[in-house]
Amino acid sequence: MAATGIEYHAPESLQDAVALLGEAPGGAAVLAGGTDLVPAFKYGVLRARRLVSLRGVPGYRDTARGPDGVLRIGAFATLRAVAASPLVR
C-alpha cells in the first residue's frame, strides 16, 4: 500500500471533520480505527485521496445520560470504559 498522494487530517471538531470530508476532490475516507481501511487500500477497493481521523473529535468516547434519560454510548467508547462506567453498572 503506497501512501503517496494521500492527505491525512486529524480535526478536533465534528464541523471541521465534515468540512474536510466534503471538500475532498479525490474522495475521502473516515479513519476510525483503520482496521478495514488498510485492506481496502491494499486491494484497491478504496481510492480516497484524503483520510480524516475522528480520534480527536470530542464526545464520541463518552458514556452519558441524555436529557431524555436515555443512556448514550459514544461510537469510540471502549468496552473497558463502558463496563467501568457507573451509568452502565
PDB file of N, CA and C in Angstrom:
ATOM      1  N   MET A   1       0.850  -1.174   0.000  1.00  0.00           N
ATOM      2  CA  MET A   1       0.000   0.000   0.000  1.00  0.00           C
ATOM      3  C   MET A   1       0.890   1.229   0.000  1.00  0.00           C
ATOM      4  N   ALA A   2       0.866   1.983  -1.025  1.00  0.00           N
ATOM      5  CA  ALA A   2       1.657   3.195  -1.106  1.00  0.00           C
ATOM      6  C   ALA A   2       0.844   4.359  -0.589  1.00  0.00           C
ATOM      7  N   ALA A   3       1.415   5.128   0.307  1.00  0.00           N
ATOM      8  CA  ALA A   3       0.711   6.255   0.903  1.00  0.00           C
ATOM      9  C   ALA A   3       0.955   7.544   0.133  1.00  0.00           C
ATOM     10  N   THR A   4       1.649   7.474  -0.973  1.00  0.00           N
ATOM     11  CA  THR A   4       1.962   8.659  -1.755  1.00  0.00           C
ATOM     12  C   THR A   4       0.689   9.322  -2.252  1.00  0.00           C
ATOM     13  N   GLY A   5       0.591  10.635  -2.026  1.00  0.00           N
ATOM     14  CA  GLY A   5      -0.554  11.382  -2.513  1.00  0.00           C
ATOM     15  C   GLY A   5      -1.776  11.331  -1.624  1.00  0.00           C
ATOM     16  N   ILE A   6      -1.694  10.711  -0.475  1.00  0.00           N
ATOM     17  CA  ILE A   6      -2.826  10.649   0.443  1.00  0.00           C
ATOM     18  C   ILE A   6      -2.624  11.696   1.530  1.00  0.00           C
ATOM     19  N   GLU A   7      -3.628  12.533   1.731  1.00  0.00           N
ATOM     20  CA  GLU A   7      -3.591  13.539   2.786  1.00  0.00           C
ATOM     21  C   GLU A   7      -4.170  12.937   4.059  1.00  0.00           C
ATOM     22  N   TYR A   8      -3.565  13.260   5.190  1.00  0.00           N
ATOM     23  CA  TYR A   8      -4.080  12.825   6.488  1.00  0.00           C
ATOM     24  C   TYR A   8      -4.465  14.057   7.288  1.00  0.00           C
ATOM     25  N   HIS A   9      -5.675  14.042   7.841  1.00  0.00           N
ATOM     26  CA  HIS A   9      -6.149  15.162   8.661  1.00  0.00           C
ATOM     27  C   HIS A   9      -6.708  14.625   9.974  1.00  0.00           C
ATOM     28  N   ALA A  10      -6.470  15.361  11.047  1.00  0.00           N
ATOM     29  CA  ALA A  10      -6.967  14.988  12.374  1.00  0.00           C
ATOM     30  C   ALA A  10      -7.711  16.182  12.973  1.00  0.00           C
ATOM     31  N   PRO A  11      -8.932  16.436  12.524  1.00  0.00           N
ATOM     32  CA  PRO A  11      -9.683  17.580  13.028  1.00  0.00           C
ATOM     33  C   PRO A  11     -10.047  17.402  14.501  1.00  0.00           C
ATOM     34  N   GLU A  12     -10.294  18.529  15.163  1.00  0.00           N
ATOM     35  CA  GLU A  12     -10.640  18.494  16.583  1.00  0.00           C
ATOM     36  C   GLU A  12     -12.102  18.854  16.837  1.00  0.00           C
ATOM     37  N   SER A  13     -12.886  18.944  15.761  1.00  0.00           N
ATOM     38  CA  SER A  13     -14.322  19.189  15.928  1.00  0.00           C
ATOM     39  C   SER A  13     -15.074  18.451  14.830  1.00  0.00           C
ATOM     40  N   LEU A  14     -16.329  18.161  15.100  1.00  0.00           N
ATOM     41  CA  LEU A  14     -17.163  17.480  14.117  1.00  0.00           C
ATOM     42  C   LEU A  14     -17.367  18.359  12.888  1.00  0.00           C
ATOM     43  N   GLN A  15     -17.514  19.660  13.101  1.00  0.00           N
ATOM     44  CA  GLN A  15     -17.706  20.583  11.982  1.00  0.00           C
ATOM     45  C   GLN A  15     -16.494  20.569  11.047  1.00  0.00           C
ATOM     46  N   ASP A  16     -15.285  20.564  11.618  1.00  0.00           N
ATOM     47  CA  ASP A  16     -14.076  20.511  10.787  1.00  0.00           C
ATOM     48  C   ASP A  16     -13.991  19.196  10.027  1.00  0.00           C
ATOM     49  N   ALA A  17     -14.360  18.093  10.678  1.00  0.00           N
ATOM     50  CA  ALA A  17     -14.325  16.785  10.014  1.00  0.00           C
ATOM     51  C   ALA A  17     -15.284  16.757   8.827  1.00  0.00           C
ATOM     52  N   VAL A  18     -16.489  17.274   9.022  1.00  0.00           N
ATOM     53  CA  VAL A  18     -17.475  17.303   7.947  1.00  0.00           C
ATOM     54  C   VAL A  18     -16.977  18.167   6.792  1.00  0.00           C
ATOM     55  N   ALA A  19     -16.382  19.313   7.110  1.00  0.00           N
ATOM     56  CA  ALA A  19     -15.854  20.194   6.064  1.00  0.00           C
ATOM     57  C   ALA A  19     -14.744  19.498   5.277  1.00  0.00           C
ATOM     58  N   LEU A  20     -13.830  18.829   5.973  1.00  0.00           N
ATOM     59  CA  LEU A  20     -12.738  18.125   5.301  1.00  0.00           C
ATOM     60  C   LEU A  20     -13.256  17.010   4.399  1.00  0.00           C
ATOM     61  N   LEU A  21     -14.276  16.308   4.851  1.00  0.00           N
ATOM     62  CA  LEU A  21     -14.852  15.231   4.044  1.00  0.00           C
ATOM     63  C   LEU A  21     -15.562  15.786   2.814  1.00  0.00           C
ATOM     64  N   GLY A  22     -16.224  16.929   2.979  1.00  0.00           N
ATOM     65  CA  GLY A  22     -16.992  17.493   1.880  1.00  0.00           C
ATOM     66  C   GLY A  22     -16.173  18.174   0.804  1.00  0.00           C
ATOM     67  N   GLU A  23     -14.978  18.599   1.130  1.00  0.00           N
ATOM     68  CA  GLU A  23     -14.182  19.357   0.165  1.00  0.00           C
ATOM     69  C   GLU A  23     -13.031  18.548  -0.429  1.00  0.00           C
ATOM     70  N   ALA A  24     -13.080  17.234  -0.331  1.00  0.00           N
ATOM     71  CA  ALA A  24     -12.002  16.383  -0.841  1.00  0.00           C
ATOM     72  C   ALA A  24     -12.233  16.083  -2.321  1.00  0.00           C
ATOM     73  N   PRO A  25     -11.438  16.672  -3.218  1.00  0.00           N
ATOM     74  CA  PRO A  25     -11.641  16.472  -4.655  1.00  0.00           C
ATOM     75  C   PRO A  25     -11.432  15.038  -5.130  1.00  0.00           C
ATOM     76  N   GLY A  26     -10.526  14.296  -4.506  1.00  0.00           N
ATOM     77  CA  GLY A  26     -10.266  12.920  -4.937  1.00  0.00           C
ATOM     78  C   GLY A  26     -10.969  11.886  -4.094  1.00  0.00           C
ATOM     79  N   GLY A  27     -11.932  12.311  -3.290  1.00  0.00           N
ATOM     80  CA  GLY A  27     -12.635  11.402  -2.402  1.00  0.00           C
ATOM     81  C   GLY A  27     -11.993  11.386  -1.029  1.00  0.00           C
ATOM     82  N   ALA A  28     -12.770  11.018  -0.031  1.00  0.00           N
ATOM     83  CA  ALA A  28     -12.289  10.996   1.343  1.00  0.00           C
ATOM     84  C   ALA A  28     -12.798   9.753   2.049  1.00  0.00           C
ATOM     85  N   ALA A  29     -12.067   9.353   3.078  1.00  0.00           N
ATOM     86  CA  ALA A  29     -12.476   8.218   3.901  1.00  0.00           C
ATOM     87  C   ALA A  29     -12.308   8.603   5.358  1.00  0.00           C
ATOM     88  N   VAL A  30     -13.196   8.101   6.188  1.00  0.00           N
ATOM     89  CA  VAL A  30     -13.137   8.352   7.622  1.00  0.00           C
ATOM     90  C   VAL A  30     -12.270   7.282   8.260  1.00  0.00           C
ATOM     91  N   LEU A  31     -11.317   7.735   9.051  1.00  0.00           N
ATOM     92  CA  LEU A  31     -10.441   6.821   9.781  1.00  0.00           C
ATOM     93  C   LEU A  31     -10.930   6.768  11.217  1.00  0.00           C
ATOM     94  N   ALA A  32     -11.446   5.620  11.590  1.00  0.00           N
ATOM     95  CA  ALA A  32     -11.984   5.448  12.941  1.00  0.00           C
ATOM     96  C   ALA A  32     -11.522   4.104  13.476  1.00  0.00           C
ATOM     97  N   GLY A  33     -10.242   3.896  13.474  1.00  0.00           N
ATOM     98  CA  GLY A  33      -9.662   2.634  13.897  1.00  0.00           C
ATOM     99  C   GLY A  33      -8.770   2.081  12.811  1.00  0.00           C
ATOM    100  N   GLY A  34      -9.234   2.102  11.589  1.00  0.00           N
ATOM    101  CA  GLY A  34      -8.417   1.776  10.438  1.00  0.00           C
ATOM    102  C   GLY A  34      -8.297   0.314  10.064  1.00  0.00           C
ATOM    103  N   THR A  35      -8.891  -0.583  10.823  1.00  0.00           N
ATOM    104  CA  THR A  35      -8.685  -1.994  10.525  1.00  0.00           C
ATOM    105  C   THR A  35      -9.251  -2.412   9.183  1.00  0.00           C
ATOM    106  N   ASP A  36     -10.349  -1.815   8.755  1.00  0.00           N
ATOM    107  CA  ASP A  36     -10.877  -2.201   7.445  1.00  0.00           C
ATOM    108  C   ASP A  36     -10.372  -1.289   6.325  1.00  0.00           C
ATOM    109  N   LEU A  37      -9.774  -0.149   6.665  1.00  0.00           N
ATOM    110  CA  LEU A  37      -9.221   0.717   5.628  1.00  0.00           C
ATOM    111  C   LEU A  37      -7.939   0.150   5.031  1.00  0.00           C
ATOM    112  N   VAL A  38      -7.118  -0.467   5.852  1.00  0.00           N
ATOM    113  CA  VAL A  38      -5.834  -0.987   5.360  1.00  0.00           C
ATOM    114  C   VAL A  38      -6.037  -1.993   4.226  1.00  0.00           C
ATOM    115  N   PRO A  39      -6.837  -3.048   4.402  1.00  0.00           N
ATOM    116  CA  PRO A  39      -7.044  -3.971   3.281  1.00  0.00           C
ATOM    117  C   PRO A  39      -7.779  -3.318   2.109  1.00  0.00           C
ATOM    118  N   ALA A  40      -8.675  -2.371   2.390  1.00  0.00           N
ATOM    119  CA  ALA A  40      -9.397  -1.704   1.303  1.00  0.00           C
ATOM    120  C   ALA A  40      -8.431  -0.926   0.408  1.00  0.00           C
ATOM    121  N   PHE A  41      -7.460  -0.256   0.999  1.00  0.00           N
ATOM    122  CA  PHE A  41      -6.431   0.424   0.204  1.00  0.00           C
ATOM    123  C   PHE A  41      -5.543  -0.588  -0.505  1.00  0.00           C
ATOM    124  N   LYS A  42      -5.150  -1.612   0.219  1.00  0.00           N
ATOM    125  CA  LYS A  42      -4.228  -2.616  -0.319  1.00  0.00           C
ATOM    126  C   LYS A  42      -4.781  -3.285  -1.577  1.00  0.00           C
ATOM    127  N   TYR A  43      -6.052  -3.611  -1.555  1.00  0.00           N
ATOM    128  CA  TYR A  43      -6.655  -4.330  -2.680  1.00  0.00           C
ATOM    129  C   TYR A  43      -7.364  -3.419  -3.675  1.00  0.00           C
ATOM    130  N   GLY A  44      -7.201  -2.109  -3.517  1.00  0.00           N
ATOM    131  CA  GLY A  44      -7.749  -1.170  -4.486  1.00  0.00           C
ATOM    132  C   GLY A  44      -9.246  -0.942  -4.391  1.00  0.00           C
ATOM    133  N   VAL A  45      -9.859  -1.384  -3.312  1.00  0.00           N
ATOM    134  CA  VAL A  45     -11.293  -1.175  -3.127  1.00  0.00           C
ATOM    135  C   VAL A  45     -11.565   0.291  -2.794  1.00  0.00           C
ATOM    136  N   LEU A  46     -10.666   0.894  -2.044  1.00  0.00           N
ATOM    137  CA  LEU A  46     -10.792   2.291  -1.649  1.00  0.00           C
ATOM    138  C   LEU A  46      -9.683   3.095  -2.296  1.00  0.00           C
ATOM    139  N   ARG A  47     -10.059   4.181  -2.926  1.00  0.00           N
ATOM    140  CA  ARG A  47      -9.070   5.017  -3.611  1.00  0.00           C
ATOM    141  C   ARG A  47      -9.162   6.471  -3.148  1.00  0.00           C
ATOM    142  N   ALA A  48      -9.475   6.682  -1.909  1.00  0.00           N
ATOM    143  CA  ALA A  48      -9.604   8.042  -1.376  1.00  0.00           C
ATOM    144  C   ALA A  48      -8.254   8.745  -1.375  1.00  0.00           C
ATOM    145  N   ARG A  49      -8.295  10.034  -1.579  1.00  0.00           N
ATOM    146  CA  ARG A  49      -7.071  10.848  -1.568  1.00  0.00           C
ATOM    147  C   ARG A  49      -6.888  11.538  -0.221  1.00  0.00           C
ATOM    148  N   ARG A  50      -7.915  11.463   0.625  1.00  0.00           N
ATOM    149  CA  ARG A  50      -7.846  12.126   1.917  1.00  0.00           C
ATOM    150  C   ARG A  50      -8.387  11.199   3.005  1.00  0.00           C
ATOM    151  N   LEU A  51      -7.645  11.080   4.097  1.00  0.00           N
ATOM    152  CA  LEU A  51      -8.101  10.353   5.280  1.00  0.00           C
ATOM    153  C   LEU A  51      -8.398  11.364   6.368  1.00  0.00           C
ATOM    154  N   VAL A  52      -9.558  11.244   6.977  1.00  0.00           N
ATOM    155  CA  VAL A  52      -9.961  12.144   8.040  1.00  0.00           C
ATOM    156  C   VAL A  52     -10.160  11.306   9.297  1.00  0.00           C
ATOM    157  N   SER A  53      -9.267  11.487  10.264  1.00  0.00           N
ATOM    158  CA  SER A  53      -9.342  10.754  11.521  1.00  0.00           C
ATOM    159  C   SER A  53     -10.349  11.417  12.447  1.00  0.00           C
ATOM    160  N   LEU A  54     -11.170  10.607  13.081  1.00  0.00           N
ATOM    161  CA  LEU A  54     -12.151  11.128  14.029  1.00  0.00           C
ATOM    162  C   LEU A  54     -11.688  11.001  15.475  1.00  0.00           C
ATOM    163  N   ARG A  55     -10.468  10.544  15.667  1.00  0.00           N
ATOM    164  CA  ARG A  55      -9.930  10.304  17.012  1.00  0.00           C
ATOM    165  C   ARG A  55      -9.963  11.550  17.895  1.00  0.00           C
ATOM    166  N   GLY A  56      -9.695  12.726  17.329  1.00  0.00           N
ATOM    167  CA  GLY A  56      -9.638  13.948  18.120  1.00  0.00           C
ATOM    168  C   GLY A  56     -10.963  14.659  18.287  1.00  0.00           C
ATOM    169  N   VAL A  57     -12.032  14.132  17.703  1.00  0.00           N
ATOM    170  CA  VAL A  57     -13.343  14.771  17.828  1.00  0.00           C
ATOM    171  C   VAL A  57     -13.928  14.408  19.192  1.00  0.00           C
ATOM    172  N   PRO A  58     -14.193  15.415  20.034  1.00  0.00           N
ATOM    173  CA  PRO A  58     -14.660  15.128  21.393  1.00  0.00           C
ATOM    174  C   PRO A  58     -16.082  14.574  21.431  1.00  0.00           C
ATOM    175  N   GLY A  59     -16.352  13.815  22.482  1.00  0.00           N
ATOM    176  CA  GLY A  59     -17.698  13.342  22.752  1.00  0.00           C
ATOM    177  C   GLY A  59     -18.027  11.944  22.281  1.00  0.00           C
ATOM    178  N   TYR A  60     -17.198  11.370  21.445  1.00  0.00           N
ATOM    179  CA  TYR A  60     -17.521  10.055  20.897  1.00  0.00           C
ATOM    180  C   TYR A  60     -16.966   8.902  21.721  1.00  0.00           C
ATOM    181  N   ARG A  61     -16.256   9.201  22.788  1.00  0.00           N
ATOM    182  CA  ARG A  61     -15.770   8.166  23.704  1.00  0.00           C
ATOM    183  C   ARG A  61     -16.585   8.138  24.992  1.00  0.00           C
ATOM    184  N   ASP A  62     -17.497   9.093  25.127  1.00  0.00           N
ATOM    185  CA  ASP A  62     -18.221   9.272  26.375  1.00  0.00           C
ATOM    186  C   ASP A  62     -19.382   8.296  26.533  1.00  0.00           C
ATOM    187  N   THR A  63     -19.698   8.029  27.784  1.00  0.00           N
ATOM    188  CA  THR A  63     -20.915   7.328  28.162  1.00  0.00           C
ATOM    189  C   THR A  63     -21.667   8.306  29.048  1.00  0.00           C
ATOM    190  N   ALA A  64     -22.864   8.697  28.649  1.00  0.00           N
ATOM    191  CA  ALA A  64     -23.595   9.723  29.392  1.00  0.00           C
ATOM    192  C   ALA A  64     -25.095   9.479  29.284  1.00  0.00           C
ATOM    193  N   ARG A  65     -25.803  10.063  30.218  1.00  0.00           N
ATOM    194  CA  ARG A  65     -27.262  10.007  30.168  1.00  0.00           C
ATOM    195  C   ARG A  65     -27.738  11.317  29.548  1.00  0.00           C
ATOM    196  N   GLY A  66     -28.541  11.205  28.519  1.00  0.00           N
ATOM    197  CA  GLY A  66     -29.049  12.384  27.837  1.00  0.00           C
ATOM    198  C   GLY A  66     -30.158  13.048  28.617  1.00  0.00           C
ATOM    199  N   PRO A  67     -30.587  14.231  28.190  1.00  0.00           N
ATOM    200  CA  PRO A  67     -31.656  14.951  28.891  1.00  0.00           C
ATOM    201  C   PRO A  67     -32.962  14.175  28.934  1.00  0.00           C
ATOM    202  N   ASP A  68     -33.124  13.247  27.994  1.00  0.00           N
ATOM    203  CA  ASP A  68     -34.337  12.424  27.968  1.00  0.00           C
ATOM    204  C   ASP A  68     -34.218  11.182  28.847  1.00  0.00           C
ATOM    205  N   GLY A  69     -33.057  11.040  29.527  1.00  0.00           N
ATOM    206  CA  GLY A  69     -32.846   9.905  30.410  1.00  0.00           C
ATOM    207  C   GLY A  69     -32.254   8.681  29.734  1.00  0.00           C
ATOM    208  N   VAL A  70     -32.073   8.728  28.429  1.00  0.00           N
ATOM    209  CA  VAL A  70     -31.552   7.595  27.671  1.00  0.00           C
ATOM    210  C   VAL A  70     -30.029   7.534  27.820  1.00  0.00           C
ATOM    211  N   LEU A  71     -29.516   6.346  28.044  1.00  0.00           N
ATOM    212  CA  LEU A  71     -28.065   6.143  28.138  1.00  0.00           C
ATOM    213  C   LEU A  71     -27.477   6.191  26.740  1.00  0.00           C
ATOM    214  N   ARG A  72     -26.461   7.021  26.555  1.00  0.00           N
ATOM    215  CA  ARG A  72     -25.811   7.173  25.249  1.00  0.00           C
ATOM    216  C   ARG A  72     -24.357   6.752  25.371  1.00  0.00           C
ATOM    217  N   ILE A  73     -23.971   5.824  24.513  1.00  0.00           N
ATOM    218  CA  ILE A  73     -22.596   5.315  24.499  1.00  0.00           C
ATOM    219  C   ILE A  73     -21.963   5.756  23.188  1.00  0.00           C
ATOM    220  N   GLY A  74     -20.865   6.508  23.277  1.00  0.00           N
ATOM    221  CA  GLY A  74     -20.190   7.027  22.096  1.00  0.00           C
ATOM    222  C   GLY A  74     -19.635   5.911  21.225  1.00  0.00           C
ATOM    223  N   ALA A  75     -19.544   6.176  19.943  1.00  0.00           N
ATOM    224  CA  ALA A  75     -19.094   5.179  18.970  1.00  0.00           C
ATOM    225  C   ALA A  75     -17.675   4.702  19.223  1.00  0.00           C
ATOM    226  N   PHE A  76     -16.835   5.537  19.854  1.00  0.00           N
ATOM    227  CA  PHE A  76     -15.446   5.151  20.107  1.00  0.00           C
ATOM    228  C   PHE A  76     -15.209   4.713  21.545  1.00  0.00           C
ATOM    229  N   ALA A  77     -16.260   4.584  22.329  1.00  0.00           N
ATOM    230  CA  ALA A  77     -16.102   4.128  23.711  1.00  0.00           C
ATOM    231  C   ALA A  77     -15.593   2.691  23.704  1.00  0.00           C
ATOM    232  N   THR A  78     -14.565   2.436  24.490  1.00  0.00           N
ATOM    233  CA  THR A  78     -14.037   1.075  24.564  1.00  0.00           C
ATOM    234  C   THR A  78     -14.933   0.222  25.457  1.00  0.00           C
ATOM    235  N   LEU A  79     -14.873  -1.073  25.259  1.00  0.00           N
ATOM    236  CA  LEU A  79     -15.654  -1.975  26.113  1.00  0.00           C
ATOM    237  C   LEU A  79     -15.250  -1.825  27.575  1.00  0.00           C
ATOM    238  N   ARG A  80     -13.968  -1.627  27.807  1.00  0.00           N
ATOM    239  CA  ARG A  80     -13.471  -1.447  29.177  1.00  0.00           C
ATOM    240  C   ARG A  80     -14.091  -0.211  29.820  1.00  0.00           C
ATOM    241  N   ALA A  81     -14.142   0.906  29.073  1.00  0.00           N
ATOM    242  CA  ALA A  81     -14.710   2.134  29.609  1.00  0.00           C
ATOM    243  C   ALA A  81     -16.214   1.997  29.863  1.00  0.00           C
ATOM    244  N   VAL A  82     -16.895   1.323  28.972  1.00  0.00           N
ATOM    245  CA  VAL A  82     -18.340   1.115  29.149  1.00  0.00           C
ATOM    246  C   VAL A  82     -18.594   0.243  30.365  1.00  0.00           C
ATOM    247  N   ALA A  83     -17.843  -0.838  30.505  1.00  0.00           N
ATOM    248  CA  ALA A  83     -18.023  -1.747  31.652  1.00  0.00           C
ATOM    249  C   ALA A  83     -17.722  -1.055  32.972  1.00  0.00           C
ATOM    250  N   ALA A  84     -16.784  -0.104  32.963  1.00  0.00           N
ATOM    251  CA  ALA A  84     -16.400   0.583  34.200  1.00  0.00           C
ATOM    252  C   ALA A  84     -17.306   1.772  34.520  1.00  0.00           C
ATOM    253  N   SER A  85     -18.145   2.161  33.581  1.00  0.00           N
ATOM    254  CA  SER A  85     -18.990   3.340  33.776  1.00  0.00           C
ATOM    255  C   SER A  85     -20.021   3.101  34.870  1.00  0.00           C
ATOM    256  N   PRO A  86     -20.128   4.012  35.825  1.00  0.00           N
ATOM    257  CA  PRO A  86     -21.161   3.889  36.851  1.00  0.00           C
ATOM    258  C   PRO A  86     -22.573   3.945  36.271  1.00  0.00           C
ATOM    259  N   LEU A  87     -22.720   4.627  35.142  1.00  0.00           N
ATOM    260  CA  LEU A  87     -24.038   4.707  34.498  1.00  0.00           C
ATOM    261  C   LEU A  87     -24.467   3.346  33.951  1.00  0.00           C
ATOM    262  N   VAL A  88     -23.539   2.567  33.492  1.00  0.00           N
ATOM    263  CA  VAL A  88     -23.851   1.252  32.948  1.00  0.00           C
ATOM    264  C   VAL A  88     -24.098   0.256  34.091  1.00  0.00           C
ATOM    265  N   ARG A  89     -23.320   0.379  35.115  1.00  0.00           N
ATOM    266  CA  ARG A  89     -23.477  -0.536  36.264  1.00  0.00           C
ATOM    267  C   ARG A  89     -24.801  -0.306  36.925  1.00  0.00           C
TER     268      ARG A  89
END
